[in-house]
Structure formats: structure tokens, C-alpha cells
């Protein structure tokens, strides 16, 4: 179902009935209902009383709001994490995560590859928010990254590319070195560029340079 939604086999606005979905995916209605609820939590579907679910559309304003919220919170989370005494196992886990992402990018880029890359991206960002030591921030980032996951999948699937994984390594190193200012700046730049790329996809506008802030991602609707 996720694949069908991302690649456009099930278009935005379509009404999905559980019985029809169960037949299409050769499953009983219970797992289909659970899948629909999960996709509704991610923002891909919207429930309708006694009718089923409607496929939602990603709007430029939603993309802008998501990345604007990330820019408000995640750079600060990275700065907080850099100021904490973190266990070495965390940095080892991040390095393993980055290695797996690089191995995926080096191979064939397909939907399953991008889906796994999205999981790793989600894990990296949420773990930094958890390392900040602020549980409220961690919950917020976990929630918002779930919604961002759809945008990332849409962008990556259509362009068959992924952002530079070296950015992740640099953020990790800044946190490990307890360089709070650099950790904040690198996280800001990382999210800002992602926001610009996402806005280009959903509005057709051109990218601006990394040094030119995030006016494209934050101001255009």
C-alpha cells in the first residue's frame, strides 16, 4: 500500500474501501484496516465515517511547515546532544548506520532501497533528539519525522537520489567532539537543503545555494 501511494498507483483524492483493498492486496480486512490506520498516522490517508479512507495530497504549505518546524527544533537538539556526556555505543551505532546507508546508495536505487534509506534517516534524526536529553523534543521530532518520511520518499523516488551521507557523519562528529555551535549549524544546513529540495519537487521552483539560507523552503507556498 505504501508503495502504491508513493509511486502514484493510488492517486490523491481516491476513496479506499477496506473490502476493495483486501481484495487488491490479497489480505483479510483486519491487517488492511491496521495498515490504513498506520498510514493515516503518517498523514498519507484520512479517515471518513463509514466510507473508508481518502488518499491525502502533499501541499507546498505542508512541506514548508514541516521543514520550518524541524529548523526550529532539530538544530537545538543537536546542540543539546553535543553538550551531553553520551555513551560511545551511540556513536558506534551512528557510524554503522551511515555505513549501511552508503552501501545502499552504492547499489541499485529502487523503491525498497529508498524505503530502507528513509528508515535510517528517521532513526538518525530521532536518536539525536533523544540524545538531547529532552523527552518532549524527542517525542516531537519522532512525530514530525514520521510525516517528513512521506515527503522524503516522494522526492527520492522521483529523483532516484539521496542527500549526501557525509552530512550525517559531520553532524555525528561535531556531537562527539562536543562542538555545540558546529553541531547546530550543520544540522540547520542539512535540514535547510532538504527543505529546499522538497520545495523544488512540490512547487517546481529552482534551488538556491546552501549559503542562501532557507527562504525557498520557508517563504514559498
Protein backbone atom coordinates (compact mmCIF):
# COMPACT_ATOMS: atom_id res chain seq x y z
CA UNK A 1 0.00 0.00 0.00
CA UNK A 2 2.79 2.40 0.85
CA UNK A 3 4.50 1.70 -2.45
CA UNK A 4 1.24 2.21 -4.36
CA UNK A 5 0.66 5.55 -2.64
CA UNK A 6 4.20 6.84 -3.15
CA UNK A 7 4.54 5.89 -6.82
CA UNK A 8 1.08 7.22 -7.63
CA UNK A 9 -0.68 3.94 -8.42
CA UNK A 10 -3.28 5.10 -5.90
CA UNK A 11 -3.69 8.84 -6.63
CA UNK A 12 -4.51 11.62 -4.14
CA UNK A 13 -8.23 12.04 -3.52
CA UNK A 14 -9.11 8.42 -4.19
CA UNK A 15 -11.53 6.81 -1.74
CA UNK A 16 -10.26 3.48 -0.43
CA UNK A 17 -12.70 0.89 0.90
CA UNK A 18 -11.31 -1.84 3.13
CA UNK A 19 -13.03 -4.61 1.17
CA UNK A 20 -11.55 -3.40 -2.12
CA UNK A 21 -8.08 -3.05 -0.59
CA UNK A 22 -8.31 -6.52 0.94
CA UNK A 23 -9.07 -7.98 -2.48
CA UNK A 24 -6.38 -5.97 -4.22
CA UNK A 25 -3.62 -6.91 -1.76
CA UNK A 26 -4.93 -10.43 -1.12
CA UNK A 27 -5.26 -9.94 2.61
CA UNK A 28 -8.01 -10.10 5.18
CA UNK A 29 -9.71 -6.90 6.27
CA UNK A 30 -8.12 -6.80 9.74
CA UNK A 31 -4.50 -6.28 8.58
CA UNK A 32 -5.75 -3.95 5.84
CA UNK A 33 -7.53 -1.83 8.45
CA UNK A 34 -4.40 -1.79 10.64
CA UNK A 35 -2.29 -0.75 7.65
CA UNK A 36 -4.73 2.05 6.82
CA UNK A 37 -4.65 3.32 10.40
CA UNK A 38 -0.84 3.29 10.33
CA UNK A 39 -0.79 5.20 7.04
CA UNK A 40 -3.35 7.62 8.45
CA UNK A 41 -1.00 8.30 11.37
CA UNK A 42 1.72 9.09 8.83
CA UNK A 43 -0.59 11.52 7.07
CA UNK A 44 -0.97 9.55 3.85
CA UNK A 45 -4.62 8.71 4.42
CA UNK A 46 -7.58 10.49 6.02
CA UNK A 47 -10.39 8.50 7.60
CA UNK A 48 -14.01 9.14 6.63
CA UNK A 49 -17.00 7.92 8.66
CA UNK A 50 -18.50 4.68 7.32
CA UNK A 51 -16.81 5.11 3.93
CA UNK A 52 -13.15 4.21 4.31
CA UNK A 53 -10.05 6.29 3.76
CA UNK A 54 -9.12 9.06 1.34
CA UNK A 55 -5.59 9.48 -0.01
CA UNK A 56 -4.24 12.86 1.07
CA UNK A 57 -2.22 15.20 -1.10
CA UNK A 58 1.09 16.77 -0.11
CA UNK A 59 0.80 20.53 -0.40
CA UNK A 60 3.64 23.07 -0.61
CA UNK A 61 2.38 24.70 2.60
CA UNK A 62 2.59 21.37 4.43
CA UNK A 63 6.16 20.83 3.22
CA UNK A 64 7.08 24.36 4.27
CA UNK A 65 5.52 23.92 7.72
CA UNK A 66 7.23 20.58 8.32
CA UNK A 67 10.70 21.82 7.47
CA UNK A 68 10.17 25.10 9.26
CA UNK A 69 9.26 23.18 12.42
CA UNK A 70 12.33 20.98 12.01
CA UNK A 71 14.56 24.04 11.69
CA UNK A 72 13.14 25.42 14.91
CA UNK A 73 13.82 22.27 16.92
CA UNK A 74 16.42 19.91 15.48
CA UNK A 75 19.45 22.26 15.39
CA UNK A 76 18.82 23.00 19.07
CA UNK A 77 18.51 19.25 19.77
CA UNK A 78 21.88 18.65 18.10
CA UNK A 79 23.41 21.44 20.19
CA UNK A 80 21.99 19.94 23.38
CA UNK A 81 23.23 16.48 22.42
CA UNK A 82 26.73 17.86 21.84
CA UNK A 83 26.72 19.24 25.38
CA UNK A 84 25.80 15.90 26.96
CA UNK A 85 28.02 13.01 28.01
CA UNK A 86 26.94 10.37 25.54
CA UNK A 87 27.95 6.73 25.53
CA UNK A 88 30.44 5.56 22.91
CA UNK A 89 27.98 2.89 21.79
CA UNK A 90 25.75 5.62 20.37
CA UNK A 91 28.47 6.93 18.05
CA UNK A 92 29.32 3.38 17.01
CA UNK A 93 25.66 2.83 16.13
CA UNK A 94 25.57 6.04 14.10
CA UNK A 95 28.71 5.00 12.18
CA UNK A 96 27.16 1.63 11.41
CA UNK A 97 24.02 3.41 10.26
CA UNK A 98 25.98 5.65 7.92
CA UNK A 99 27.92 2.66 6.56
CA UNK A 100 24.67 0.87 5.75
CA UNK A 101 23.31 3.96 4.01
CA UNK A 102 26.45 4.31 1.89
CA UNK A 103 26.26 0.63 0.94
CA UNK A 104 22.65 1.10 -0.14
CA UNK A 105 23.46 4.15 -2.26
CA UNK A 106 26.35 2.30 -3.91
CA UNK A 107 23.97 -0.39 -5.15
CA UNK A 108 20.84 -0.30 -7.26
CA UNK A 109 18.48 2.53 -6.34
CA UNK A 110 14.91 1.24 -6.24
CA UNK A 111 11.85 1.73 -4.07
CA UNK A 112 12.91 -0.81 -1.46
CA UNK A 113 16.34 0.81 -1.22
CA UNK A 114 14.80 4.24 -0.71
CA UNK A 115 12.36 2.84 1.84
CA UNK A 116 15.23 1.46 3.89
CA UNK A 117 17.18 4.71 3.49
CA UNK A 118 14.17 6.55 4.86
CA UNK A 119 14.11 4.31 7.92
CA UNK A 120 17.79 5.01 8.55
CA UNK A 121 17.26 8.77 8.12
CA UNK A 122 14.38 8.60 10.58
CA UNK A 123 16.48 6.63 13.07
CA UNK A 124 19.41 9.05 12.89
CA UNK A 125 17.39 12.19 13.47
CA UNK A 126 15.21 10.75 16.21
CA UNK A 127 18.22 9.33 18.05
CA UNK A 128 19.86 12.78 18.08
CA UNK A 129 16.69 14.25 19.57
CA UNK A 130 16.74 11.51 22.22
CA UNK A 131 20.43 12.28 22.90
CA UNK A 132 19.42 15.87 23.64
CA UNK A 133 18.03 14.62 26.94
CA UNK A 134 14.74 16.45 26.41
CA UNK A 135 11.91 13.92 26.19
CA UNK A 136 9.43 16.46 24.85
CA UNK A 137 11.78 17.34 22.00
CA UNK A 138 12.35 13.64 21.31
CA UNK A 139 8.62 12.95 21.03
CA UNK A 140 8.11 15.97 18.78
CA UNK A 141 10.93 15.02 16.41
CA UNK A 142 9.73 11.42 16.29
CA UNK A 143 6.26 12.58 15.29
CA UNK A 144 7.37 15.10 12.71
CA UNK A 145 9.92 12.74 11.12
CA UNK A 146 7.12 10.27 10.52
CA UNK A 147 5.32 12.93 8.50
CA UNK A 148 8.52 14.02 6.74
CA UNK A 149 9.12 10.40 5.72
CA UNK A 150 6.45 10.66 3.04
CA UNK A 151 7.97 13.81 1.58
CA UNK A 152 11.42 12.22 1.54
CA UNK A 153 10.11 9.10 -0.19
CA UNK A 154 8.29 11.17 -2.81
CA UNK A 155 11.36 13.26 -3.53
CA UNK A 156 13.84 10.37 -3.52
CA UNK A 157 11.63 8.09 -5.60
CA UNK A 158 11.10 10.68 -8.32
CA UNK A 159 14.74 11.77 -8.45
CA UNK A 160 16.39 8.41 -7.58
CA UNK A 161 18.94 10.23 -5.40
CA UNK A 162 19.70 10.68 -1.76
CA UNK A 163 21.27 13.55 0.11
CA UNK A 164 24.98 13.45 0.89
CA UNK A 165 25.50 10.99 3.75
CA UNK A 166 28.71 12.86 4.60
CA UNK A 167 26.46 15.48 6.18
CA UNK A 168 25.30 12.87 8.70
CA UNK A 169 28.88 11.91 9.50
CA UNK A 170 29.85 15.54 10.03
CA UNK A 171 26.93 16.12 12.39
CA UNK A 172 27.84 12.98 14.32
CA UNK A 173 31.46 14.09 14.62
CA UNK A 174 30.51 17.54 15.88
CA UNK A 175 28.33 15.99 18.58
CA UNK A 176 31.06 13.53 19.52
CA UNK A 177 33.60 16.38 19.68
CA UNK A 178 31.17 18.32 21.92
CA UNK A 179 31.27 21.19 19.43
CA UNK A 180 27.81 22.58 20.14
CA UNK A 181 27.94 25.51 17.74
CA UNK A 182 29.08 23.37 14.81
CA UNK A 183 26.52 20.67 15.59
CA UNK A 184 23.74 23.26 15.50
CA UNK A 185 24.98 24.84 12.27
CA UNK A 186 25.49 21.55 10.44
CA UNK A 187 22.07 20.28 11.44
CA UNK A 188 20.49 23.54 10.29
CA UNK A 189 22.25 23.35 6.91
CA UNK A 190 21.31 19.69 6.49
CA UNK A 191 17.62 20.29 7.09
CA UNK A 192 17.61 23.55 5.11
CA UNK A 193 18.93 21.87 1.98
CA UNK A 194 16.41 19.07 2.38
CA UNK A 195 13.64 21.64 2.63
CA UNK A 196 14.82 23.41 -0.50
CA UNK A 197 14.91 20.16 -2.46
CA UNK A 198 11.47 19.17 -1.24
CA UNK A 199 10.01 22.56 -2.17
CA UNK A 200 11.55 22.28 -5.63
CA UNK A 201 9.77 18.97 -6.13
CA UNK A 202 6.36 20.14 -4.94
CA UNK A 203 6.38 23.65 -6.43
CA UNK A 204 8.66 23.36 -9.47
CA UNK A 205 10.77 26.28 -8.29
CA UNK A 206 14.55 26.19 -8.67
CA UNK A 207 17.01 25.52 -5.89
CA UNK A 208 19.06 28.20 -4.20
CA UNK A 209 22.56 27.80 -2.82
CA UNK A 210 23.23 26.26 0.57
CA UNK A 211 24.65 29.56 1.76
CA UNK A 212 21.48 31.48 0.91
CA UNK A 213 19.50 30.35 3.98
CA UNK A 214 16.15 28.62 3.55
CA UNK A 215 13.93 31.32 2.14
CA UNK A 216 12.73 28.99 -0.63
CA UNK A 217 11.66 26.32 1.84
CA UNK A 218 10.11 28.70 4.33
CA UNK A 219 8.60 31.50 2.28
CA UNK A 220 7.21 29.94 -0.89
CA UNK A 221 3.80 28.29 -0.75
